Amino acid sequence: MDYVIRPVRADEWLRMKELRLVALADPAAPVAFLETTEQALERPDAFWQERTAGVSHGTSARQFVAEGPDGELVGTVVVLVEQPGAKDIFGREITAPQAHLVGVFVRVEHRGVGLTERLFEAAMEWAWALEEPAVERIRLYVHEENPRAQGFYRKIGFVSTGVSAPIEGEAGGLDWEMEVVRP
């Protein structure tokens, strides 16, 4: 496999913006991301520069990318380190140091070759290696109507916690995001 899995570099903000827009245009985006293409397009370049710089180094967040043989960025996952006492994206208090995986995406034409597994392996290896804080678990949320993602997460050892969080659905009603963990 001629793909390289590595942390994103701060100077790659424009490439990360482009990859995010491709992800948000994916047919699964409404059940995979809490952002729309329209929202992403409204963000100024400074947002993308700060966002990419913030996940390129340090110990509070890290973004990993899959780079194809031609140098194209074809996949990504972000690791957010969450501290006890802080609130998560759903406003719930975090009770233990943990890593939260978000923004999982692989371009359609590169799926089925093990890239998502390799991205998760790199992300989890980085998170488990943190000394301060030492994370106790790795988690993520998956939409109730995203069976492809649910199956993948089960396959690599994530289990349901039974915790769900409501989000606004496309039709204005409530949908549910289910928490899964890798202890």
C-alpha atoms as a PDB file:
ATOM      1  CA  MET A   1       0.000   0.000   0.000  1.00  0.00           C
ATOM      2  CA  ASP A   2       1.589   3.260  -1.125  1.00  0.00           C
ATOM      3  CA  TYR A   3      -0.249   5.508   1.342  1.00  0.00           C
ATOM      4  CA  VAL A   4       1.432   7.434   4.132  1.00  0.00           C
ATOM      5  CA  ILE A   5      -0.434   8.036   7.395  1.00  0.00           C
ATOM      6  CA  ARG A   6       0.936  11.079   9.191  1.00  0.00           C
ATOM      7  CA  PRO A   7      -0.005  14.113  11.280  1.00  0.00           C
ATOM      8  CA  VAL A   8      -1.219  17.100   9.309  1.00  0.00           C
ATOM      9  CA  ARG A   9       1.162  20.058   8.955  1.00  0.00           C
ATOM     10  CA  ALA A  10       0.049  23.593   9.836  1.00  0.00           C
ATOM     11  CA  ASP A  11       0.845  24.857   6.332  1.00  0.00           C
ATOM     12  CA  GLU A  12      -1.641  22.389   4.790  1.00  0.00           C
ATOM     13  CA  TRP A  13      -4.715  24.400   5.808  1.00  0.00           C
ATOM     14  CA  LEU A  14      -5.906  24.921   2.217  1.00  0.00           C
ATOM     15  CA  ARG A  15      -5.619  21.190   1.493  1.00  0.00           C
ATOM     16  CA  MET A  16      -7.518  20.423   4.707  1.00  0.00           C
ATOM     17  CA  LYS A  17     -10.252  22.873   3.747  1.00  0.00           C
ATOM     18  CA  GLU A  18     -10.594  21.144   0.375  1.00  0.00           C
ATOM     19  CA  LEU A  19     -10.700  17.675   1.991  1.00  0.00           C
ATOM     20  CA  ARG A  20     -13.337  18.839   4.480  1.00  0.00           C
ATOM     21  CA  LEU A  21     -15.501  20.219   1.658  1.00  0.00           C
ATOM     22  CA  VAL A  22     -15.225  16.892  -0.193  1.00  0.00           C
ATOM     23  CA  ALA A  23     -16.230  15.088   3.029  1.00  0.00           C
ATOM     24  CA  LEU A  24     -19.228  17.354   3.537  1.00  0.00           C
ATOM     25  CA  ALA A  25     -20.357  16.710  -0.057  1.00  0.00           C
ATOM     26  CA  ASP A  26     -20.315  12.936   0.496  1.00  0.00           C
ATOM     27  CA  PRO A  27     -23.805  11.358   0.445  1.00  0.00           C
ATOM     28  CA  ALA A  28     -23.249  10.095   4.015  1.00  0.00           C
ATOM     29  CA  ALA A  29     -22.351  13.570   5.322  1.00  0.00           C
ATOM     30  CA  PRO A  30     -25.761  14.342   6.876  1.00  0.00           C
ATOM     31  CA  VAL A  31     -25.353  11.384   9.252  1.00  0.00           C
ATOM     32  CA  ALA A  32     -21.571  11.636   9.579  1.00  0.00           C
ATOM     33  CA  PHE A  33     -20.839  15.292  10.345  1.00  0.00           C
ATOM     34  CA  LEU A  34     -22.384  18.016  12.487  1.00  0.00           C
ATOM     35  CA  GLU A  35     -21.514  20.650   9.866  1.00  0.00           C
ATOM     36  CA  THR A  36     -22.840  21.407   6.388  1.00  0.00           C
ATOM     37  CA  THR A  37     -21.037  22.438   3.245  1.00  0.00           C
ATOM     38  CA  GLU A  38     -22.715  25.839   3.469  1.00  0.00           C
ATOM     39  CA  GLN A  39     -21.414  26.392   6.999  1.00  0.00           C
ATOM     40  CA  ALA A  40     -17.890  25.366   5.995  1.00  0.00           C
ATOM     41  CA  LEU A  41     -17.893  27.658   2.961  1.00  0.00           C
ATOM     42  CA  GLU A  42     -18.843  30.631   5.141  1.00  0.00           C
ATOM     43  CA  ARG A  43     -15.720  30.250   7.271  1.00  0.00           C
ATOM     44  CA  PRO A  44     -12.850  32.652   6.501  1.00  0.00           C
ATOM     45  CA  ASP A  45      -9.362  31.428   5.614  1.00  0.00           C
ATOM     46  CA  ALA A  46      -8.178  32.434   9.100  1.00  0.00           C
ATOM     47  CA  PHE A  47     -10.501  29.780  10.556  1.00  0.00           C
ATOM     48  CA  TRP A  48      -8.951  27.039   8.416  1.00  0.00           C
ATOM     49  CA  GLN A  49      -5.427  28.260   9.191  1.00  0.00           C
ATOM     50  CA  GLU A  50      -6.067  28.273  12.956  1.00  0.00           C
ATOM     51  CA  ARG A  51      -7.914  24.972  12.867  1.00  0.00           C
ATOM     52  CA  THR A  52      -5.109  23.204  10.988  1.00  0.00           C
ATOM     53  CA  ALA A  53      -2.373  24.771  13.114  1.00  0.00           C
ATOM     54  CA  GLY A  54      -4.230  23.691  16.258  1.00  0.00           C
ATOM     55  CA  VAL A  55      -4.262  20.014  15.282  1.00  0.00           C
ATOM     56  CA  SER A  56      -0.760  19.849  13.816  1.00  0.00           C
ATOM     57  CA  HIS A  57       1.173  19.747  17.109  1.00  0.00           C
ATOM     58  CA  GLY A  58       0.669  19.756  20.865  1.00  0.00           C
ATOM     59  CA  THR A  59      -1.143  17.339  23.138  1.00  0.00           C
ATOM     60  CA  SER A  60      -4.740  18.610  23.147  1.00  0.00           C
ATOM     61  CA  ALA A  61      -5.636  17.632  19.578  1.00  0.00           C
ATOM     62  CA  ARG A  62      -4.034  15.978  16.580  1.00  0.00           C
ATOM     63  CA  GLN A  63      -5.217  15.380  13.027  1.00  0.00           C
ATOM     64  CA  PHE A  64      -3.957  12.466  10.993  1.00  0.00           C
ATOM     65  CA  VAL A  65      -4.156  12.283   7.216  1.00  0.00           C
ATOM     66  CA  ALA A  66      -3.735   9.572   4.630  1.00  0.00           C
ATOM     67  CA  GLU A  67      -1.591  10.797   1.757  1.00  0.00           C
ATOM     68  CA  GLY A  68      -1.855   8.946  -1.528  1.00  0.00           C
ATOM     69  CA  PRO A  69       1.034   7.949  -3.787  1.00  0.00           C
ATOM     70  CA  ASP A  70       0.535  11.137  -5.815  1.00  0.00           C
ATOM     71  CA  GLY A  71       0.599  13.378  -2.713  1.00  0.00           C
ATOM     72  CA  GLU A  72      -3.181  13.872  -2.597  1.00  0.00           C
ATOM     73  CA  LEU A  73      -4.723  13.884   0.877  1.00  0.00           C
ATOM     74  CA  VAL A  74      -7.331  11.128   0.710  1.00  0.00           C
ATOM     75  CA  GLY A  75      -8.437  10.572   4.303  1.00  0.00           C
ATOM     76  CA  THR A  76      -8.429  12.016   7.782  1.00  0.00           C
ATOM     77  CA  VAL A  77      -9.336  11.610  11.438  1.00  0.00           C
ATOM     78  CA  VAL A  78      -9.019  14.106  14.305  1.00  0.00           C
ATOM     79  CA  VAL A  79      -8.243  13.234  17.935  1.00  0.00           C
ATOM     80  CA  LEU A  80      -9.504  15.652  20.592  1.00  0.00           C
ATOM     81  CA  VAL A  81      -8.172  15.154  24.112  1.00  0.00           C
ATOM     82  CA  GLU A  82     -10.905  15.808  26.670  1.00  0.00           C
ATOM     83  CA  GLN A  83     -10.179  16.697  30.292  1.00  0.00           C
ATOM     84  CA  PRO A  84     -12.305  15.941  33.364  1.00  0.00           C
ATOM     85  CA  GLY A  85     -14.548  18.847  34.308  1.00  0.00           C
ATOM     86  CA  ALA A  86     -14.794  20.212  30.763  1.00  0.00           C
ATOM     87  CA  LYS A  87     -17.966  19.903  28.667  1.00  0.00           C
ATOM     88  CA  ASP A  88     -18.153  17.775  25.545  1.00  0.00           C
ATOM     89  CA  ILE A  89     -19.726  18.824  22.240  1.00  0.00           C
ATOM     90  CA  PHE A  90     -23.162  17.888  23.606  1.00  0.00           C
ATOM     91  CA  GLY A  91     -22.720  19.889  26.822  1.00  0.00           C
ATOM     92  CA  ARG A  92     -22.119  16.879  29.039  1.00  0.00           C
ATOM     93  CA  GLU A  93     -19.449  16.973  31.727  1.00  0.00           C
ATOM     94  CA  ILE A  94     -16.383  14.882  31.016  1.00  0.00           C
ATOM     95  CA  THR A  95     -15.520  12.711  34.008  1.00  0.00           C
ATOM     96  CA  ALA A  96     -12.187  11.137  32.995  1.00  0.00           C
ATOM     97  CA  PRO A  97      -9.321  11.971  30.631  1.00  0.00           C
ATOM     98  CA  GLN A  98     -10.251  10.575  27.255  1.00  0.00           C
ATOM     99  CA  ALA A  99      -9.671  10.963  23.543  1.00  0.00           C
ATOM    100  CA  HIS A 100     -12.562  11.736  21.214  1.00  0.00           C
ATOM    101  CA  LEU A 101     -12.259  10.822  17.517  1.00  0.00           C
ATOM    102  CA  VAL A 102     -14.070  13.114  15.078  1.00  0.00           C
ATOM    103  CA  GLY A 103     -14.044  14.078  11.407  1.00  0.00           C
ATOM    104  CA  VAL A 104     -13.479  10.555  10.071  1.00  0.00           C
ATOM    105  CA  PHE A 105     -13.398  10.539   6.267  1.00  0.00           C
ATOM    106  CA  VAL A 106     -11.810   8.677   3.345  1.00  0.00           C
ATOM    107  CA  ARG A 107     -12.440   9.722  -0.254  1.00  0.00           C
ATOM    108  CA  VAL A 108     -14.810   7.307  -2.010  1.00  0.00           C
ATOM    109  CA  GLU A 109     -12.259   6.177  -4.594  1.00  0.00           C
ATOM    110  CA  HIS A 110      -9.810   5.175  -1.819  1.00  0.00           C
ATOM    111  CA  ARG A 111     -12.226   3.218   0.373  1.00  0.00           C
ATOM    112  CA  GLY A 112     -11.922  -0.515   0.906  1.00  0.00           C
ATOM    113  CA  VAL A 113      -8.112  -0.627   1.049  1.00  0.00           C
ATOM    114  CA  GLY A 114      -7.685  -0.352   4.833  1.00  0.00           C
ATOM    115  CA  LEU A 115      -7.067   3.392   5.118  1.00  0.00           C
ATOM    116  CA  THR A 116      -9.657   3.992   7.816  1.00  0.00           C
ATOM    117  CA  GLU A 117      -8.113   1.216   9.905  1.00  0.00           C
ATOM    118  CA  ARG A 118      -4.656   2.740   9.456  1.00  0.00           C
ATOM    119  CA  LEU A 119      -5.914   6.242  10.304  1.00  0.00           C
ATOM    120  CA  PHE A 120      -7.577   4.924  13.474  1.00  0.00           C
ATOM    121  CA  GLU A 121      -4.459   2.957  14.379  1.00  0.00           C
ATOM    122  CA  ALA A 122      -2.323   6.116  14.159  1.00  0.00           C
ATOM    123  CA  ALA A 123      -4.864   8.219  16.058  1.00  0.00           C
ATOM    124  CA  MET A 124      -5.316   5.687  18.832  1.00  0.00           C
ATOM    125  CA  GLU A 125      -1.585   5.012  19.122  1.00  0.00           C
ATOM    126  CA  TRP A 126      -0.977   8.749  19.573  1.00  0.00           C
ATOM    127  CA  ALA A 127      -3.772   9.059  22.155  1.00  0.00           C
ATOM    128  CA  TRP A 128      -2.715   6.010  24.193  1.00  0.00           C
ATOM    129  CA  ALA A 129       0.891   7.278  24.236  1.00  0.00           C
ATOM    130  CA  LEU A 130      -0.024  10.575  25.909  1.00  0.00           C
ATOM    131  CA  GLU A 131       1.450  10.822  29.361  1.00  0.00           C
ATOM    132  CA  GLU A 132      -0.287  13.989  30.548  1.00  0.00           C
ATOM    133  CA  PRO A 133      -3.119  13.411  30.510  1.00  0.00           C
ATOM    134  CA  ALA A 134      -3.011   9.659  30.199  1.00  0.00           C
ATOM    135  CA  VAL A 135      -6.291   8.828  28.487  1.00  0.00           C
ATOM    136  CA  GLU A 136      -8.486   6.146  30.008  1.00  0.00           C
ATOM    137  CA  ARG A 137     -10.598   5.497  26.945  1.00  0.00           C
ATOM    138  CA  ILE A 138     -11.105   6.528  23.355  1.00  0.00           C
ATOM    139  CA  ARG A 139     -14.598   7.393  22.213  1.00  0.00           C
ATOM    140  CA  LEU A 140     -16.638   8.724  19.369  1.00  0.00           C
ATOM    141  CA  TYR A 141     -20.249   9.319  18.484  1.00  0.00           C
ATOM    142  CA  VAL A 142     -21.959   7.621  15.565  1.00  0.00           C
ATOM    143  CA  HIS A 143     -25.330   8.522  14.089  1.00  0.00           C
ATOM    144  CA  GLU A 144     -28.134   6.041  14.674  1.00  0.00           C
ATOM    145  CA  GLU A 145     -28.708   5.857  10.907  1.00  0.00           C
ATOM    146  CA  ASN A 146     -25.109   5.240   9.867  1.00  0.00           C
ATOM    147  CA  PRO A 147     -24.848   1.429   9.841  1.00  0.00           C
ATOM    148  CA  ARG A 148     -21.686   1.404   7.710  1.00  0.00           C
ATOM    149  CA  ALA A 149     -19.791   3.415  10.328  1.00  0.00           C
ATOM    150  CA  GLN A 150     -21.341   1.457  13.210  1.00  0.00           C
ATOM    151  CA  GLY A 151     -20.154  -1.801  11.646  1.00  0.00           C
ATOM    152  CA  PHE A 152     -16.639  -0.477  11.130  1.00  0.00           C
ATOM    153  CA  TYR A 153     -16.360   0.734  14.720  1.00  0.00           C
ATOM    154  CA  ARG A 154     -17.562  -2.637  16.048  1.00  0.00           C
ATOM    155  CA  LYS A 155     -15.075  -4.420  13.797  1.00  0.00           C
ATOM    156  CA  ILE A 156     -12.142  -2.532  15.304  1.00  0.00           C
ATOM    157  CA  GLY A 157     -13.207  -3.054  18.898  1.00  0.00           C
ATOM    158  CA  PHE A 158     -15.485  -0.162  19.831  1.00  0.00           C
ATOM    159  CA  VAL A 159     -18.483  -0.999  22.014  1.00  0.00           C
ATOM    160  CA  SER A 160     -21.633   0.934  22.810  1.00  0.00           C
ATOM    161  CA  THR A 161     -21.849   2.689  26.157  1.00  0.00           C
ATOM    162  CA  GLY A 162     -25.630   3.024  25.942  1.00  0.00           C
ATOM    163  CA  VAL A 163     -25.264   6.816  26.020  1.00  0.00           C
ATOM    164  CA  SER A 164     -26.982   8.773  23.249  1.00  0.00           C
ATOM    165  CA  ALA A 165     -27.126  12.467  22.480  1.00  0.00           C
ATOM    166  CA  PRO A 166     -29.872  14.253  20.549  1.00  0.00           C
ATOM    167  CA  ILE A 167     -29.053  16.358  17.504  1.00  0.00           C
ATOM    168  CA  GLU A 168     -31.300  18.302  15.176  1.00  0.00           C
ATOM    169  CA  GLY A 169     -32.271  16.127  12.241  1.00  0.00           C
ATOM    170  CA  GLU A 170     -32.538  17.178   8.607  1.00  0.00           C
ATOM    171  CA  ALA A 171     -36.329  17.408   8.799  1.00  0.00           C
ATOM    172  CA  GLY A 172     -36.232  19.462  12.001  1.00  0.00           C
ATOM    173  CA  GLY A 173     -36.904  16.547  14.361  1.00  0.00           C
ATOM    174  CA  LEU A 174     -34.414  14.852  16.646  1.00  0.00           C
ATOM    175  CA  ASP A 175     -31.857  12.301  15.560  1.00  0.00           C
ATOM    176  CA  TRP A 176     -29.522  10.470  17.912  1.00  0.00           C
ATOM    177  CA  GLU A 177     -25.761  10.128  18.098  1.00  0.00           C
ATOM    178  CA  MET A 178     -24.668   7.000  19.972  1.00  0.00           C
ATOM    179  CA  GLU A 179     -21.462   6.926  22.002  1.00  0.00           C
ATOM    180  CA  VAL A 180     -19.057   4.055  21.416  1.00  0.00           C
ATOM    181  CA  VAL A 181     -15.769   3.505  23.232  1.00  0.00           C
ATOM    182  CA  ARG A 182     -12.544   1.616  23.028  1.00  0.00           C
ATOM    183  CA  PRO A 183     -11.517   1.081  26.659  1.00  0.00           C
END
